Amino acid sequence: MANKYIEEERIEALKLAKEIGAAAAARRLGIKANTIYGWQGRAKNRSIVLNQAGQPMSEEEIRKENIRLAKELKESKAEVEILQEALSFFVKRRKK
């Protein structure tokens, strides 16, 4: 008879599998690796995205996270550009 796992157990198993790999997670949890692989496949087909806490994210949360990350990336690129200009300035100054 197949074991029945509640959604929270599956989410935790998927979170662990993401961290240490499906086979290692299966060994640690005492379930078959194919079970976790199946859950991963179904999660991928349903486009389930987990946040850093391992909880499923809604489409709105994903959208907000993408906006936040895009803003962070833009700021980081600007910081790198400033640092490159400063480095260039000091290199030119040192050559004199």
N, C-alpha and C. Protein backbone atom coordinates (compact mmCIF):
# COMPACT_ATOMS: atom_id res chain seq x y z
N MET A 1 0.84 -1.18 0.00
CA MET A 1 0.00 0.00 0.00
C MET A 1 0.89 1.24 0.00
N ALA A 2 0.55 2.21 -0.80
CA ALA A 2 1.33 3.43 -0.92
C ALA A 2 1.12 4.31 0.31
N ASN A 3 2.22 4.94 0.73
CA ASN A 3 2.11 5.88 1.84
C ASN A 3 1.43 7.16 1.37
N LYS A 4 0.67 7.77 2.24
CA LYS A 4 0.03 9.05 1.95
C LYS A 4 0.79 10.13 2.69
N TYR A 5 1.21 11.13 1.99
CA TYR A 5 1.94 12.23 2.59
C TYR A 5 1.11 13.50 2.45
N ILE A 6 1.06 14.28 3.52
CA ILE A 6 0.32 15.53 3.45
C ILE A 6 1.17 16.57 2.71
N GLU A 7 0.54 17.62 2.25
CA GLU A 7 1.21 18.63 1.44
C GLU A 7 2.41 19.24 2.17
N GLU A 8 2.27 19.48 3.47
CA GLU A 8 3.37 20.07 4.24
C GLU A 8 4.59 19.15 4.24
N GLU A 9 4.36 17.84 4.33
CA GLU A 9 5.47 16.88 4.30
C GLU A 9 6.17 16.91 2.94
N ARG A 10 5.38 17.00 1.89
CA ARG A 10 5.95 17.06 0.55
C ARG A 10 6.78 18.33 0.37
N ILE A 11 6.26 19.44 0.85
CA ILE A 11 6.96 20.71 0.71
C ILE A 11 8.29 20.66 1.46
N GLU A 12 8.26 20.14 2.68
CA GLU A 12 9.49 20.02 3.46
C GLU A 12 10.49 19.09 2.78
N ALA A 13 10.00 17.98 2.22
CA ALA A 13 10.88 17.06 1.52
C ALA A 13 11.50 17.72 0.28
N LEU A 14 10.69 18.50 -0.44
CA LEU A 14 11.20 19.20 -1.62
C LEU A 14 12.22 20.26 -1.23
N LYS A 15 11.96 20.94 -0.13
CA LYS A 15 12.91 21.94 0.36
C LYS A 15 14.25 21.29 0.70
N LEU A 16 14.18 20.16 1.41
CA LEU A 16 15.40 19.43 1.77
C LEU A 16 16.11 18.93 0.52
N ALA A 17 15.34 18.42 -0.43
CA ALA A 17 15.93 17.91 -1.68
C ALA A 17 16.62 19.03 -2.45
N LYS A 18 16.07 20.22 -2.38
CA LYS A 18 16.68 21.35 -3.06
C LYS A 18 18.02 21.70 -2.41
N GLU A 19 18.11 21.52 -1.11
CA GLU A 19 19.32 21.85 -0.38
C GLU A 19 20.41 20.79 -0.53
N ILE A 20 20.04 19.50 -0.38
CA ILE A 20 21.06 18.45 -0.34
C ILE A 20 20.94 17.42 -1.45
N GLY A 21 19.95 17.56 -2.31
CA GLY A 21 19.75 16.61 -3.39
C GLY A 21 18.65 15.61 -3.04
N ALA A 22 17.99 15.13 -4.07
CA ALA A 22 16.84 14.25 -3.88
C ALA A 22 17.21 12.92 -3.24
N ALA A 23 18.29 12.31 -3.71
CA ALA A 23 18.68 11.00 -3.19
C ALA A 23 19.06 11.09 -1.70
N ALA A 24 19.83 12.12 -1.35
CA ALA A 24 20.24 12.29 0.05
C ALA A 24 19.03 12.61 0.93
N ALA A 25 18.11 13.41 0.41
CA ALA A 25 16.90 13.74 1.18
C ALA A 25 16.05 12.49 1.40
N ALA A 26 15.96 11.66 0.37
CA ALA A 26 15.18 10.43 0.49
C ALA A 26 15.78 9.52 1.56
N ARG A 27 17.09 9.37 1.54
CA ARG A 27 17.74 8.55 2.57
C ARG A 27 17.49 9.11 3.96
N ARG A 28 17.65 10.41 4.10
CA ARG A 28 17.48 11.03 5.41
C ARG A 28 16.03 10.89 5.91
N LEU A 29 15.07 10.99 4.99
CA LEU A 29 13.66 10.93 5.39
C LEU A 29 13.10 9.51 5.40
N GLY A 30 13.87 8.57 4.88
CA GLY A 30 13.43 7.18 4.88
C GLY A 30 12.32 6.90 3.87
N ILE A 31 12.36 7.60 2.75
CA ILE A 31 11.39 7.34 1.69
C ILE A 31 12.16 7.03 0.40
N LYS A 32 11.45 6.54 -0.58
CA LYS A 32 12.10 6.19 -1.85
C LYS A 32 12.46 7.45 -2.62
N ALA A 33 13.62 7.42 -3.24
CA ALA A 33 14.08 8.56 -4.03
C ALA A 33 13.12 8.85 -5.17
N ASN A 34 12.56 7.81 -5.75
CA ASN A 34 11.61 8.01 -6.85
C ASN A 34 10.39 8.81 -6.42
N THR A 35 10.03 8.69 -5.16
CA THR A 35 8.90 9.46 -4.64
C THR A 35 9.24 10.95 -4.71
N ILE A 36 10.43 11.30 -4.25
CA ILE A 36 10.83 12.71 -4.28
C ILE A 36 10.98 13.19 -5.72
N TYR A 37 11.56 12.36 -6.57
CA TYR A 37 11.70 12.74 -7.98
C TYR A 37 10.32 13.00 -8.60
N GLY A 38 9.35 12.17 -8.24
CA GLY A 38 7.98 12.37 -8.74
C GLY A 38 7.39 13.68 -8.26
N TRP A 39 7.60 13.97 -6.98
CA TRP A 39 7.10 15.24 -6.42
C TRP A 39 7.77 16.43 -7.11
N GLN A 40 9.08 16.31 -7.38
CA GLN A 40 9.78 17.39 -8.06
C GLN A 40 9.21 17.61 -9.46
N GLY A 41 8.95 16.51 -10.15
CA GLY A 41 8.39 16.61 -11.50
C GLY A 41 7.02 17.26 -11.50
N ARG A 42 6.17 16.84 -10.57
CA ARG A 42 4.82 17.42 -10.48
C ARG A 42 4.89 18.89 -10.08
N ALA A 43 5.80 19.22 -9.16
CA ALA A 43 5.95 20.61 -8.74
C ALA A 43 6.42 21.46 -9.92
N LYS A 44 7.33 20.92 -10.71
CA LYS A 44 7.82 21.65 -11.87
C LYS A 44 6.71 21.85 -12.89
N ASN A 45 5.90 20.81 -13.11
CA ASN A 45 4.79 20.92 -14.06
C ASN A 45 3.76 21.94 -13.60
N ARG A 46 3.57 22.03 -12.29
CA ARG A 46 2.61 22.99 -11.76
C ARG A 46 3.25 24.36 -11.54
N SER A 47 4.53 24.45 -11.84
CA SER A 47 5.30 25.68 -11.68
C SER A 47 5.23 26.20 -10.25
N ILE A 48 5.42 25.31 -9.31
CA ILE A 48 5.45 25.72 -7.91
C ILE A 48 6.81 26.32 -7.63
N VAL A 49 6.80 27.51 -7.09
CA VAL A 49 8.04 28.19 -6.72
C VAL A 49 8.04 28.31 -5.21
N LEU A 50 9.15 27.90 -4.60
CA LEU A 50 9.27 27.98 -3.15
C LEU A 50 10.10 29.20 -2.78
N ASN A 51 9.68 29.90 -1.73
CA ASN A 51 10.48 31.02 -1.24
C ASN A 51 11.64 30.49 -0.42
N GLN A 52 12.43 31.38 0.17
CA GLN A 52 13.60 30.95 0.92
C GLN A 52 13.24 30.15 2.15
N ALA A 53 12.03 30.34 2.65
CA ALA A 53 11.57 29.58 3.81
C ALA A 53 11.00 28.23 3.40
N GLY A 54 10.94 27.96 2.09
CA GLY A 54 10.43 26.69 1.61
C GLY A 54 8.93 26.63 1.44
N GLN A 55 8.28 27.78 1.51
CA GLN A 55 6.83 27.84 1.36
C GLN A 55 6.48 28.20 -0.08
N PRO A 56 5.39 27.63 -0.60
CA PRO A 56 4.99 27.96 -1.97
C PRO A 56 4.64 29.44 -2.10
N MET A 57 5.01 30.03 -3.23
CA MET A 57 4.74 31.44 -3.46
C MET A 57 3.60 31.60 -4.47
N SER A 58 2.75 32.59 -4.24
CA SER A 58 1.68 32.89 -5.19
C SER A 58 2.27 33.65 -6.38
N GLU A 59 1.49 33.78 -7.44
CA GLU A 59 1.97 34.52 -8.61
C GLU A 59 2.26 35.97 -8.26
N GLU A 60 1.44 36.56 -7.40
CA GLU A 60 1.66 37.95 -6.99
C GLU A 60 2.96 38.08 -6.20
N GLU A 61 3.23 37.13 -5.32
CA GLU A 61 4.49 37.15 -4.56
C GLU A 61 5.69 37.00 -5.49
N ILE A 62 5.56 36.14 -6.48
CA ILE A 62 6.65 35.94 -7.45
C ILE A 62 6.88 37.23 -8.23
N ARG A 63 5.81 37.88 -8.65
CA ARG A 63 5.91 39.14 -9.38
C ARG A 63 6.62 40.20 -8.54
N LYS A 64 6.21 40.33 -7.27
CA LYS A 64 6.83 41.31 -6.37
C LYS A 64 8.31 40.99 -6.15
N GLU A 65 8.63 39.71 -6.00
CA GLU A 65 10.02 39.30 -5.80
C GLU A 65 10.85 39.62 -7.04
N ASN A 66 10.29 39.41 -8.23
CA ASN A 66 11.01 39.74 -9.46
C ASN A 66 11.28 41.23 -9.56
N ILE A 67 10.31 42.04 -9.17
CA ILE A 67 10.49 43.50 -9.19
C ILE A 67 11.58 43.90 -8.21
N ARG A 68 11.54 43.32 -7.01
CA ARG A 68 12.55 43.62 -5.99
C ARG A 68 13.95 43.23 -6.49
N LEU A 69 14.06 42.04 -7.09
CA LEU A 69 15.35 41.57 -7.58
C LEU A 69 15.86 42.41 -8.74
N ALA A 70 14.96 42.85 -9.61
CA ALA A 70 15.36 43.70 -10.73
C ALA A 70 15.91 45.03 -10.20
N LYS A 71 15.25 45.59 -9.18
CA LYS A 71 15.71 46.84 -8.58
C LYS A 71 17.08 46.64 -7.92
N GLU A 72 17.23 45.53 -7.20
CA GLU A 72 18.50 45.22 -6.55
C GLU A 72 19.62 45.05 -7.57
N LEU A 73 19.32 44.38 -8.68
CA LEU A 73 20.31 44.19 -9.74
C LEU A 73 20.73 45.52 -10.35
N LYS A 74 19.76 46.40 -10.59
CA LYS A 74 20.05 47.72 -11.16
C LYS A 74 20.96 48.51 -10.22
N GLU A 75 20.66 48.46 -8.92
CA GLU A 75 21.49 49.17 -7.93
C GLU A 75 22.91 48.58 -7.88
N SER A 76 23.00 47.27 -7.95
CA SER A 76 24.31 46.61 -7.91
C SER A 76 25.14 46.97 -9.13
N LYS A 77 24.50 47.03 -10.29
CA LYS A 77 25.22 47.41 -11.51
C LYS A 77 25.73 48.84 -11.40
N ALA A 78 24.91 49.72 -10.83
CA ALA A 78 25.33 51.12 -10.66
C ALA A 78 26.52 51.20 -9.69
N GLU A 79 26.48 50.41 -8.63
CA GLU A 79 27.57 50.39 -7.66
C GLU A 79 28.86 49.89 -8.31
N VAL A 80 28.76 48.86 -9.12
CA VAL A 80 29.94 48.32 -9.81
C VAL A 80 30.51 49.37 -10.75
N GLU A 81 29.65 50.08 -11.46
CA GLU A 81 30.11 51.11 -12.39
C GLU A 81 30.86 52.21 -11.63
N ILE A 82 30.33 52.63 -10.49
CA ILE A 82 30.98 53.65 -9.67
C ILE A 82 32.35 53.16 -9.20
N LEU A 83 32.39 51.92 -8.74
CA LEU A 83 33.66 51.36 -8.27
C LEU A 83 34.68 51.24 -9.40
N GLN A 84 34.22 50.88 -10.60
CA GLN A 84 35.14 50.78 -11.73
C GLN A 84 35.70 52.15 -12.10
N GLU A 85 34.85 53.19 -12.05
CA GLU A 85 35.32 54.54 -12.34
C GLU A 85 36.33 55.00 -11.28
N ALA A 86 36.06 54.69 -10.03
CA ALA A 86 36.99 55.06 -8.95
C ALA A 86 38.31 54.34 -9.12
N LEU A 87 38.26 53.07 -9.45
CA LEU A 87 39.49 52.30 -9.66
C LEU A 87 40.29 52.89 -10.81
N SER A 88 39.61 53.24 -11.88
CA SER A 88 40.26 53.84 -13.04
C SER A 88 40.93 55.15 -12.65
N PHE A 89 40.26 55.95 -11.86
CA PHE A 89 40.81 57.22 -11.39
C PHE A 89 42.09 57.00 -10.60
N PHE A 90 42.07 56.06 -9.67
CA PHE A 90 43.24 55.82 -8.84
C PHE A 90 44.40 55.19 -9.60
N VAL A 91 44.09 54.36 -10.57
CA VAL A 91 45.13 53.75 -11.40
C VAL A 91 45.83 54.85 -12.22
N LYS A 92 45.05 55.75 -12.82
CA LYS A 92 45.63 56.85 -13.60
C LYS A 92 46.48 57.74 -12.71
N ARG A 93 46.00 58.01 -11.53
CA ARG A 93 46.70 58.89 -10.59
C ARG A 93 48.01 58.26 -10.14
N ARG A 94 48.00 56.97 -9.96
CA ARG A 94 49.19 56.26 -9.47
C ARG A 94 50.28 56.21 -10.55
N LYS A 95 49.91 56.17 -11.82
CA LYS A 95 50.86 56.08 -12.92
C LYS A 95 51.69 57.35 -13.08
N LYS A 96 51.22 58.48 -12.55
CA LYS A 96 51.93 59.75 -12.71
C LYS A 96 53.20 59.80 -11.93
